[in-house]
Amino acid sequence: MVYYQDGLILIRDLQQSDTRIITDEEIAQGWHADIQKYEMRLRDQSEGKSISLVAEFEGRVAGYINLYPDSKWGAFAGRGYPEIVDFGVLEKYRRHGIGSKLMDTAEQLAAGYSDTVYLGVGLHSGYGSAQRMYVKRGYLPDGTGIWYGDHICEPYADCCNDDDLVLYLSKKLR
């Protein structure tokens, strides 16, 4: 299914062929990438658990985002709120509005399920541009503090500043 198209950017459902492209491109730019993560997203989509989107820029896979309409993880788990999970734009395609169009599309889809959407953003410097973008889009911290994995990181607890250390943010959609 195609969700958005403007001549340069196309937003559509994730397909099997995308999993290898995304993985190889992320490895080439020095990211930790594993094709199993994208194959899991594809399975979740086929089972109706998620909506997994890919952005193409001028016909090339450039980014991705996933929406879980009734997420079972994180600060709002089990409340019927959709969660945006695993959002990325390949570095060579940034600054073309691709991330904004992916977020616009995910938020429009989320609004069909709830008036609130949420996401977890990593805290290390690799997430700096995402942190800024979420604030500009109106996302606010949920108030539970930082999480490590799927648990609140208690005050003064030891943790690792890796991709599992996140702050949950939410946004009212209507």
Protein backbone atom coordinates (compact mmCIF):
# COMPACT_ATOMS: atom_id res chain seq x y z
CA MET A 1 0.00 0.00 0.00
CA VAL A 2 1.20 3.54 -0.78
CA TYR A 3 0.55 6.13 1.95
CA TYR A 4 2.26 9.20 0.47
CA GLN A 5 3.79 10.20 -2.84
CA ASP A 6 4.99 13.54 -4.14
CA GLY A 7 7.35 12.74 -7.01
CA LEU A 8 10.49 12.59 -4.84
CA ILE A 9 9.33 10.80 -1.69
CA LEU A 10 7.19 7.67 -1.61
CA ILE A 11 5.94 6.12 1.66
CA ARG A 12 4.77 2.51 1.36
CA ASP A 13 4.55 -0.77 3.26
CA LEU A 14 7.77 -2.60 4.10
CA GLN A 15 8.57 -5.44 1.69
CA GLN A 16 10.89 -8.45 1.99
CA SER A 17 13.41 -6.98 -0.46
CA ASP A 18 13.77 -3.88 1.76
CA THR A 19 15.17 -5.83 4.71
CA ARG A 20 18.52 -6.58 3.01
CA ILE A 21 18.83 -3.09 1.52
CA ILE A 22 18.27 -1.36 4.86
CA THR A 23 20.61 -3.71 6.71
CA ASP A 24 23.43 -3.35 4.18
CA GLU A 25 23.07 0.44 4.03
CA GLU A 26 23.13 0.76 7.82
CA ILE A 27 26.22 -1.44 8.09
CA ALA A 28 27.92 0.63 5.37
CA GLN A 29 27.37 3.80 7.40
CA GLY A 30 28.73 2.22 10.59
CA TRP A 31 25.47 1.49 12.41
CA HIS A 32 24.77 -1.71 14.35
CA ALA A 33 22.36 -3.49 11.99
CA ASP A 34 20.82 -6.93 11.92
CA ILE A 35 18.48 -8.15 9.20
CA GLN A 36 16.54 -10.15 11.80
CA LYS A 37 15.16 -6.91 13.25
CA TYR A 38 13.65 -5.92 9.90
CA GLU A 39 12.40 -9.44 9.22
CA MET A 40 10.67 -9.33 12.64
CA ARG A 41 9.00 -6.04 11.64
CA LEU A 42 7.85 -7.69 8.42
CA ARG A 43 6.40 -10.64 10.39
CA ASP A 44 4.68 -8.30 12.84
CA GLN A 45 3.15 -6.47 9.90
CA SER A 46 1.94 -9.69 8.25
CA GLU A 47 0.39 -10.77 11.59
CA GLY A 48 -1.43 -7.42 11.94
CA LYS A 49 0.61 -6.32 14.97
CA SER A 50 2.25 -3.35 13.26
CA ILE A 51 2.27 -1.07 10.28
CA SER A 52 5.82 -1.03 8.92
CA LEU A 53 6.61 1.71 6.46
CA VAL A 54 9.50 2.42 4.12
CA ALA A 55 10.38 5.72 2.50
CA GLU A 56 11.87 5.83 -0.95
CA PHE A 57 13.69 8.92 -2.19
CA GLU A 58 13.96 9.14 -5.97
CA GLY A 59 13.21 5.40 -6.13
CA ARG A 60 15.79 4.28 -3.54
CA VAL A 61 15.05 2.95 -0.06
CA ALA A 62 15.93 5.83 2.27
CA GLY A 63 14.20 5.29 5.63
CA TYR A 64 11.67 3.38 7.70
CA ILE A 65 9.29 3.66 10.62
CA ASN A 66 7.00 1.24 12.45
CA LEU A 67 3.73 1.83 14.25
CA TYR A 68 2.39 -0.63 16.80
CA PRO A 69 -1.31 0.34 17.23
CA ASP A 70 -1.66 -1.23 20.71
CA SER A 71 1.86 -1.48 22.03
CA LYS A 72 2.72 -3.86 24.83
CA TRP A 73 6.02 -2.13 25.72
CA GLY A 74 7.20 0.97 27.48
CA ALA A 75 5.63 3.75 29.47
CA PHE A 76 2.15 3.46 27.94
CA ALA A 77 2.02 -0.32 27.48
CA GLY A 78 -1.44 -1.83 27.42
CA ARG A 79 -3.30 1.50 27.40
CA GLY A 80 -4.35 1.25 23.76
CA TYR A 81 -1.93 3.94 22.61
CA PRO A 82 0.03 3.42 19.41
CA GLU A 83 3.82 3.42 19.67
CA ILE A 84 6.26 4.57 17.03
CA VAL A 85 9.17 2.14 17.04
CA ASP A 86 12.46 1.89 15.16
CA PHE A 87 12.49 5.06 13.04
CA GLY A 88 15.48 5.90 10.88
CA VAL A 89 16.61 7.74 7.78
CA LEU A 90 19.83 6.63 6.13
CA GLU A 91 22.46 9.35 6.51
CA LYS A 92 22.96 10.00 2.79
CA TYR A 93 19.24 10.80 2.42
CA ARG A 94 18.87 13.19 5.34
CA ARG A 95 17.80 16.82 4.97
CA HIS A 96 15.27 16.07 2.23
CA GLY A 97 12.17 15.97 4.46
CA ILE A 98 12.02 12.17 4.48
CA GLY A 99 11.96 11.86 8.28
CA SER A 100 9.20 14.45 8.55
CA LYS A 101 7.07 12.64 5.96
CA LEU A 102 7.58 9.30 7.71
CA MET A 103 6.57 10.86 11.04
CA ASP A 104 3.59 12.65 9.45
CA THR A 105 2.39 9.37 7.98
CA ALA A 106 2.88 7.39 11.22
CA GLU A 107 1.07 10.07 13.24
CA GLN A 108 -1.85 10.14 10.76
CA LEU A 109 -2.15 6.36 11.04
CA ALA A 110 -1.86 6.52 14.85
CA ALA A 111 -4.70 9.07 14.99
CA GLY A 112 -6.98 6.36 13.60
CA TYR A 113 -6.41 4.36 16.80
CA SER A 114 -6.06 6.93 19.58
CA ASP A 115 -5.70 10.60 20.41
CA THR A 116 -2.19 9.95 21.80
CA VAL A 117 0.93 8.42 20.27
CA TYR A 118 4.20 7.67 22.04
CA LEU A 119 7.78 6.63 21.39
CA GLY A 120 11.03 5.95 23.19
CA VAL A 121 14.11 7.89 22.13
CA GLY A 122 17.65 6.83 22.89
CA LEU A 123 19.75 9.07 25.10
CA HIS A 124 23.21 8.79 23.57
CA SER A 125 24.51 11.35 21.06
CA GLY A 126 23.59 9.18 18.09
CA TYR A 127 19.96 10.08 18.80
CA GLY A 128 20.58 13.84 19.01
CA SER A 129 18.83 14.78 15.77
CA ALA A 130 15.84 12.55 16.64
CA GLN A 131 15.60 14.09 20.13
CA ARG A 132 15.46 17.59 18.63
CA MET A 133 12.94 16.58 15.98
CA TYR A 134 10.56 15.00 18.49
CA VAL A 135 10.57 18.12 20.68
CA LYS A 136 9.91 20.32 17.63
CA ARG A 137 6.99 18.06 16.71
CA GLY A 138 5.41 18.50 20.16
CA TYR A 139 6.44 15.31 21.95
CA LEU A 140 6.78 15.63 25.74
CA PRO A 141 8.43 13.38 28.33
CA ASP A 142 5.95 11.06 30.03
CA GLY A 143 7.32 11.74 33.53
CA THR A 144 8.52 8.24 34.41
CA GLY A 145 12.19 9.10 33.88
CA ILE A 146 14.54 6.99 31.83
CA TRP A 147 14.02 3.35 30.99
CA TYR A 148 16.53 0.60 30.34
CA GLY A 149 15.16 -2.21 28.26
CA ASP A 150 11.52 -2.49 29.25
CA HIS A 151 11.88 -1.27 32.85
CA ILE A 152 12.18 2.07 34.59
CA CYS A 153 15.80 2.74 35.47
CA GLU A 154 15.66 3.40 39.21
CA PRO A 155 17.54 6.40 40.66
CA TYR A 156 21.27 5.76 41.02
CA ALA A 157 21.04 2.39 39.26
CA ASP A 158 23.88 1.35 37.03
CA CYS A 159 23.01 1.30 33.34
CA CYS A 160 24.73 1.35 29.98
CA ASN A 161 24.31 4.27 27.58
CA ASP A 162 23.38 2.06 24.65
CA ASP A 163 20.30 1.83 22.41
CA ASP A 164 18.23 0.33 25.27
CA LEU A 165 18.52 3.47 27.45
CA VAL A 166 15.50 5.57 26.44
CA LEU A 167 13.19 8.38 27.47
CA TYR A 168 9.52 7.93 26.58
CA LEU A 169 7.73 10.85 24.96
CA SER A 170 4.10 11.27 23.97
CA LYS A 171 2.07 13.60 21.80
CA LYS A 172 -1.63 14.47 21.69
CA LEU A 173 -2.82 14.04 18.11
CA ARG A 174 -6.25 15.68 18.44
